[in-house]
Protein backbone atom coordinates (compact mmCIF):
# COMPACT_ATOMS: atom_id res chain seq x y z
CA MET A 1 123.87 71.45 88.18
CA TYR A 2 120.87 70.51 90.91
CA PRO A 3 120.53 72.92 94.02
CA PRO A 4 121.06 70.48 96.78
CA LEU A 5 118.09 68.60 98.12
CA ALA A 6 116.49 70.00 101.22
CA ALA A 7 113.33 68.62 102.91
CA PRO A 8 110.40 71.47 102.28
CA LYS A 9 110.04 74.07 105.17
CA GLN A 10 106.52 74.71 104.95
CA ALA A 11 103.07 73.43 102.97
CA VAL A 12 103.21 74.04 99.38
CA SER A 13 100.07 75.76 97.99
CA ALA A 14 98.06 73.28 95.89
CA ARG A 15 99.05 75.46 92.02
CA TYR A 16 101.93 73.32 92.52
CA LEU A 17 102.47 69.45 92.49
CA SER A 18 102.17 67.53 96.01
CA GLU A 19 103.67 65.01 96.88
CA ASN A 20 101.46 62.49 96.43
CA GLU A 21 101.15 63.64 93.04
CA ARG A 22 104.93 62.63 92.13
CA ILE A 23 104.56 59.54 93.50
CA THR A 24 101.75 59.13 90.90
CA ILE A 25 103.32 60.57 87.65
CA ALA A 26 106.66 58.62 89.00
CA ASP A 27 104.58 55.42 89.31
CA GLU A 28 102.62 55.77 85.44
CA HIS A 29 105.65 57.12 83.69
CA ARG A 30 107.44 53.94 84.79
CA ALA A 31 104.19 51.76 83.82
CA GLY A 32 104.30 53.31 80.13
CA ARG A 33 101.56 55.69 80.40
CA SER A 34 102.31 58.69 77.85
CA ILE A 35 102.27 62.50 78.69
CA ARG A 36 98.66 62.94 78.09
CA ALA A 37 97.66 60.12 80.02
CA ILE A 38 98.85 61.60 83.78
CA ALA A 39 97.83 64.71 83.14
CA ALA A 40 94.37 63.27 82.92
CA LEU A 41 95.06 61.78 85.47
CA LEU A 42 95.98 64.38 87.74
CA GLU A 43 94.21 67.10 86.07
CA ARG A 44 97.29 68.83 85.38
CA ALA A 45 98.50 70.80 82.19
CA PRO A 46 100.76 68.44 79.86
CA SER A 47 103.62 71.00 80.02
CA THR A 48 103.77 70.64 84.02
CA ILE A 49 103.70 66.98 83.82
CA SER A 50 106.61 67.40 81.05
CA ARG A 51 109.10 70.56 82.82
CA GLU A 52 108.31 67.92 86.10
CA ILE A 53 110.07 65.16 84.91
CA SER A 54 111.86 66.43 83.00
CA ARG A 55 113.55 69.43 85.59
CA ASN A 56 113.22 66.99 88.98
CA SER A 57 114.29 63.91 87.12
CA ASP A 58 118.18 62.14 88.84
CA PRO A 59 120.90 65.16 87.26
CA VAL A 60 123.10 61.35 86.01
CA ALA A 61 121.09 58.57 85.68
CA GLY A 62 117.58 59.91 84.61
CA ASP A 63 115.41 58.11 86.75
CA TYR A 64 112.27 60.49 87.77
CA HIS A 65 112.50 59.67 91.60
CA PRO A 66 109.08 60.70 93.62
CA PHE A 67 111.00 62.13 96.74
CA ALA A 68 114.40 63.69 95.38
CA ALA A 69 112.20 65.19 92.70
CA HIS A 70 109.66 67.26 96.10
CA GLN A 71 113.11 67.99 97.80
CA ARG A 72 114.26 69.60 94.60
CA ALA A 73 111.65 71.18 93.96
CA ALA A 74 111.31 73.05 97.14
CA ALA A 75 114.73 73.40 97.42
CA ARG A 76 114.69 75.57 94.34
CA ARG A 77 110.96 77.37 95.05
CA PRO A 78 112.47 80.24 97.57
CA ARG A 79 113.99 83.01 95.04
CA PRO A 80 114.58 86.02 97.38
CA LYS A 81 115.76 88.84 95.85
CA PRO A 82 115.05 92.44 96.65
CA ALA A 83 111.71 94.09 95.76
CA LYS A 84 111.79 96.34 92.82
CA LEU A 85 109.80 98.79 94.47
CA HIS A 86 112.22 99.14 97.26
CA THR A 87 114.85 99.69 94.83
CA ASN A 88 113.71 101.60 92.22
CA THR A 89 112.55 105.16 93.95
CA GLU A 90 111.67 106.86 90.98
CA LEU A 91 108.86 104.36 89.98
CA ARG A 92 107.98 103.74 93.61
CA GLY A 93 108.02 107.56 93.64
CA LEU A 94 105.67 107.40 90.95
CA VAL A 95 103.26 104.53 92.04
CA GLN A 96 102.48 106.76 95.44
CA GLU A 97 101.60 109.81 93.54
CA LEU A 98 98.59 107.96 91.78
CA LEU A 99 98.06 106.10 94.64
CA ASP A 100 97.48 109.25 96.73
CA GLN A 101 95.04 110.06 93.46
CA ARG A 102 92.35 106.77 93.93
CA TRP A 103 93.77 105.21 90.88
CA SER A 104 93.98 101.60 91.33
CA PRO A 105 96.63 99.53 90.92
CA GLU A 106 95.51 97.88 87.40
CA GLN A 107 95.39 101.21 86.46
CA ILE A 108 98.26 102.21 87.75
CA CYS A 109 100.72 99.56 86.22
CA ARG A 110 98.34 99.74 83.28
CA THR A 111 99.61 103.39 82.41
CA LEU A 112 103.20 103.00 83.09
CA SER A 113 103.58 100.56 79.95
CA LEU A 114 101.86 103.08 78.23
CA LYS A 115 103.48 106.06 79.13
CA HIS A 116 106.62 105.01 79.44
CA PRO A 117 107.66 102.06 76.66
CA ASP A 118 111.38 101.88 76.47
CA ARG A 119 111.55 101.74 79.77
CA PRO A 120 111.33 98.55 81.15
CA GLU A 121 112.66 99.53 84.82
CA LEU A 122 109.06 101.37 84.94
CA ARG A 123 107.32 98.49 84.56
CA LEU A 124 105.30 96.55 87.38
CA THR A 125 102.11 93.60 87.44
CA HIS A 126 99.33 95.39 90.06
CA GLU A 127 99.86 92.56 92.17
CA THR A 128 103.44 93.49 93.47
CA ILE A 129 101.56 97.02 94.48
CA TYR A 130 98.80 95.19 96.42
CA GLN A 131 102.33 93.44 97.99
CA ALA A 132 104.02 97.24 98.54
CA VAL A 133 101.57 98.06 100.32
CA TYR A 134 100.57 94.81 102.33
CA ARG A 135 104.13 94.90 103.39
CA PRO A 136 105.20 97.77 103.89
CA ASP A 137 108.77 95.98 103.64
CA ARG A 138 108.09 95.54 100.32
CA GLY A 139 108.32 98.81 99.06
CA GLY A 140 106.93 100.62 101.79
CA LEU A 141 104.30 102.49 99.96
CA THR A 142 100.64 104.10 101.77
CA ARG A 143 97.67 105.04 100.86
CA SER A 144 97.65 108.89 101.95
CA ARG A 145 94.02 109.50 101.26
CA SER A 146 92.14 106.34 101.14
CA PRO A 147 92.65 102.53 102.14
CA LEU A 148 94.43 100.74 99.30
CA LEU A 149 90.63 98.89 98.65
CA ARG A 150 87.88 100.83 98.39
CA THR A 151 85.49 99.42 101.24
CA GLY A 152 87.69 100.26 102.82
CA ARG A 153 89.73 96.55 104.13
CA ALA A 154 93.73 96.22 104.04
CA TYR A 155 93.03 92.31 102.57
CA ARG A 156 91.43 90.55 100.18
CA LYS A 157 88.14 88.55 101.53
CA ARG A 158 85.81 86.45 99.42
CA ARG A 159 83.26 87.42 97.50
CA ARG A 160 79.40 87.03 99.96
CA SER A 161 76.39 86.28 98.40
CA ARG A 162 73.82 89.37 97.71
CA GLU A 163 72.25 90.98 100.73
CA GLN A 164 68.01 91.05 99.87
CA ARG A 165 66.67 93.77 99.56
CA ILE A 166 63.53 95.40 99.62
CA PRO A 167 61.36 96.37 97.34
CA ARG A 168 60.66 100.29 97.54
CA PHE A 169 58.84 101.21 94.64
CA THR A 170 55.51 99.12 93.81
CA ASP A 171 53.68 101.75 90.38
CA ARG A 172 56.60 100.49 87.65
CA SER A 173 55.58 102.19 84.21
CA LYS A 174 57.88 99.49 82.71
CA SER A 175 59.70 96.67 83.46
CA ILE A 176 63.90 96.62 82.58
CA HIS A 177 63.37 93.66 80.50
CA ASP A 178 61.09 95.86 78.05
CA ARG A 179 64.77 98.34 77.09
CA PRO A 180 65.51 98.31 74.16
CA ALA A 181 68.40 95.75 72.72
CA THR A 182 70.78 98.07 72.06
CA ALA A 183 71.10 98.88 75.81
CA ASP A 184 72.16 95.17 76.73
CA ASP A 185 75.37 95.99 74.24
CA ARG A 186 76.36 98.69 74.74
CA GLY A 187 76.64 99.94 71.07
CA MET A 188 73.87 102.90 71.49
CA PRO A 189 75.15 105.90 72.99
CA GLY A 190 72.68 106.93 75.84
CA HIS A 191 71.22 105.06 78.09
CA TRP A 192 71.98 105.32 81.35
CA GLU A 193 71.60 103.84 84.94
CA GLY A 194 71.04 105.37 88.19
CA ASP A 195 70.64 105.00 92.17
CA LEU A 196 71.21 106.64 94.86
CA ILE A 197 73.61 106.70 97.78
CA MET A 198 72.64 107.01 101.17
CA GLY A 199 74.39 108.47 103.75
CA ALA A 200 73.91 107.71 107.61
CA HIS A 201 70.85 106.56 108.88
CA ASN A 202 69.59 106.78 105.57
CA ARG A 203 68.56 110.81 106.34
CA THR A 204 71.35 111.69 103.43
CA ALA A 205 71.55 110.99 99.22
CA ILE A 206 73.91 111.87 96.31
CA GLY A 207 72.33 111.23 93.26
CA THR A 208 74.46 108.84 90.69
CA LEU A 209 74.24 108.22 86.66
CA VAL A 210 76.34 106.42 85.21
CA GLU A 211 76.03 106.41 81.00
CA ARG A 212 76.97 102.47 79.85
CA SER A 213 78.94 102.99 77.14
CA SER A 214 81.03 105.84 78.21
CA ARG A 215 81.06 104.53 81.95
CA TYR A 216 80.74 108.67 82.47
CA VAL A 217 79.70 109.78 85.42
CA VAL A 218 77.08 112.75 87.29
CA LEU A 219 76.57 113.10 90.86
CA VAL A 220 72.87 114.56 92.08
CA HIS A 221 72.90 117.15 93.97
CA VAL A 222 69.59 116.01 96.68
CA PRO A 223 69.68 117.71 99.61
CA GLN A 224 65.69 117.09 100.68
CA GLY A 225 67.29 113.35 100.25
CA ARG A 226 64.57 110.54 98.55
CA ASN A 227 61.91 113.38 98.15
CA ALA A 228 60.53 112.38 94.56
CA ALA A 229 59.03 115.77 93.28
CA HIS A 230 62.76 117.20 94.56
CA PHE A 231 63.87 114.27 92.72
CA ARG A 232 62.04 114.62 89.78
CA ASP A 233 63.37 118.34 89.10
CA ARG A 234 67.16 117.42 89.93
CA LEU A 235 66.91 114.85 87.54
CA ILE A 236 65.10 116.73 84.63
CA THR A 237 67.90 119.74 85.30
CA VAL A 238 70.61 117.33 84.59
CA PHE A 239 69.11 115.25 81.33
CA SER A 240 67.62 118.60 80.07
CA THR A 241 71.50 119.94 79.33
CA LEU A 242 72.17 116.35 76.91
CA PRO A 243 71.66 116.50 73.51
CA ALA A 244 67.90 114.40 72.69
CA GLY A 245 71.20 111.29 70.74
CA LEU A 246 72.45 110.70 74.48
CA ARG A 247 69.19 110.33 76.68
CA GLN A 248 67.87 107.08 75.33
CA SER A 249 66.71 105.51 78.70
CA LEU A 250 67.44 105.67 82.38
CA ALA A 251 67.98 102.13 84.24
CA TRP A 252 66.27 102.62 88.21
CA ASP A 253 66.40 101.21 91.28
CA GLN A 254 62.81 100.70 92.86
CA GLY A 255 63.58 103.57 95.32
CA VAL A 256 60.96 105.71 96.70
CA GLU A 257 62.40 108.79 95.16
CA MET A 258 61.52 108.45 91.73
CA GLY A 259 57.91 108.39 92.16
CA ARG A 260 57.56 111.04 89.87
CA HIS A 261 58.97 108.96 87.09
CA ALA A 262 56.23 109.77 84.13
CA GLU A 263 56.91 113.48 85.20
CA PHE A 264 59.78 113.30 84.18
CA THR A 265 59.89 111.16 81.23
CA VAL A 266 57.18 113.40 79.90
CA ALA A 267 59.74 117.13 80.51
CA THR A 268 62.65 115.20 79.03
CA SER A 269 61.44 112.15 76.72
CA THR A 270 63.44 109.65 78.99
CA PRO A 271 61.72 105.99 79.86
CA VAL A 272 62.58 104.83 82.36
CA TYR A 273 63.16 101.21 82.64
CA PHE A 274 63.03 99.42 86.05
CA CYS A 275 65.09 96.91 87.82
CA ASP A 276 63.24 93.27 89.11
CA PRO A 277 63.50 93.44 93.21
CA ALA A 278 66.82 92.50 94.80
CA SER A 279 69.05 92.68 91.21
CA PRO A 280 71.57 95.48 91.40
CA TRP A 281 73.07 93.50 88.79
CA GLN A 282 70.73 94.68 86.55
CA ARG A 283 72.22 98.12 86.58
CA GLY A 284 75.88 96.75 87.02
CA SER A 285 77.92 100.23 85.93
CA ASN A 286 76.32 101.62 87.97
CA GLU A 287 76.79 99.33 90.51
CA ASN A 288 80.29 99.86 90.75
CA THR A 289 80.51 103.11 90.30
CA ASN A 290 78.39 103.41 93.21
CA GLY A 291 81.81 100.99 95.05
CA LEU A 292 83.87 103.29 93.61
CA LEU A 293 81.94 106.44 95.22
CA ARG A 294 82.05 104.81 98.49
CA GLN A 295 85.92 106.30 98.56
CA TYR A 296 84.74 110.08 98.80
CA PHE A 297 81.66 108.91 100.62
CA PRO A 298 82.10 106.39 103.39
CA LYS A 299 79.02 104.78 104.25
CA SER A 300 77.40 106.29 107.48
CA SER A 301 78.92 109.99 106.72
CA ASP A 302 76.99 113.13 106.48
CA LEU A 303 76.25 113.17 102.69
CA SER A 304 75.01 116.69 103.44
CA VAL A 305 78.07 118.28 104.17
CA HIS A 306 78.90 118.11 100.18
CA THR A 307 77.85 120.76 98.73
CA ALA A 308 76.95 120.83 94.31
CA GLU A 309 80.57 121.68 93.72
CA ASP A 310 82.02 119.83 95.92
CA LEU A 311 80.18 116.40 93.54
CA THR A 312 81.37 118.51 90.65
CA ALA A 313 84.57 117.70 91.68
CA VAL A 314 84.33 114.29 92.64
CA ALA A 315 82.91 112.87 89.69
CA ALA A 316 85.16 114.95 86.88
CA GLU A 317 88.55 112.51 89.25
CA LEU A 318 86.64 109.89 88.84
CA ASN A 319 85.67 110.63 84.82
CA ASN A 320 89.45 110.77 84.35
CA ARG A 321 90.32 107.72 85.53
CA PRO A 322 91.68 105.04 82.88
CA ARG A 323 89.25 102.49 82.86
CA LYS A 324 90.49 98.81 81.55
CA ILE A 325 86.68 98.18 80.17
CA LEU A 326 87.41 101.03 77.78
CA GLY A 327 90.85 100.26 76.17
CA TRP A 328 92.69 102.49 79.15
CA ASP A 329 90.49 105.60 77.23
CA THR A 330 88.41 107.73 80.34
CA PRO A 331 84.83 108.13 80.69
CA ALA A 332 85.88 111.82 79.83
CA GLN A 333 87.52 110.56 76.47
CA ARG A 334 84.83 108.66 75.73
CA PHE A 335 81.76 110.75 76.50
CA THR A 336 83.58 114.05 75.06
CA ARG A 337 84.08 111.99 71.82
CA LEU A 338 80.36 111.49 72.33
CA LEU A 339 78.91 114.72 72.80
CA ALA A 340 80.75 115.56 69.14
CA GLU A 341 79.54 113.40 67.29
CA ALA A 342 75.98 114.11 68.84
CA ALA A 343 76.29 117.85 67.67
């Protein structure tokens, strides 16, 4: 039986059929137009129109009346029920534990489904986790070690247009457009992307390196900041520990810290390719990683307080998070395989 007719109490989202759309459906359906023709007219899926006519027609006469259909749909829409995280204490505890390890909601829900395939009560969507954190009454989750979003916001926000950056490095040796094509599809390991994340007043920095195929992260301790000679030595130390097959190239921003890039290339046999000005998307893996690292190293903080051991611990934690792009492997697992193959 259909629920009793009731007027809608609030505006309906654009994802639902509006009253005007239902009037159009009624007129076109009465005129003999097909389901697909009505769907094309309203730019909706044919299944949406078919279900609308089937569900909201008069249960006795079988006719479709738009205003009555709109009231039936509005009365059926509310589905109050207890939140899953609010009633399942075991699930809430598992989710809270991983949130405290800075896992994202999508990483959590995917991992739980893989670890507990025979327990449907431990499955949930990442949106459920987001809503439970945004609204304590829907689950009571908190983010004790860091904000829910790595940006520090407690709400979603539309993406803004990218900020224009002033080129700081003019003496480029090679453009990123000259980088081997094997680096573009991530099929060959050993191609890296790098940058600095800056601290308060741009006085302190941490070097970040990401291997493109495995998304493995290496953090470089640079207590002297953007000093080119000092940074060259630190990079040489890092790349000298890698097998030759895992140092094919390095893509970098136009920062002055790479002023001694030619000497780095001679010492490590690793060519450096520089991105275009104001084009951070050309180092997409590194930019994404830098965003993740801001959970540990907030903007406008003093990065000099972090020791080399601190950076190693942060990199290890990040490399042991499962990644959707890797089929839910961790970067550490993928990079370990690369090292074994190179050996």
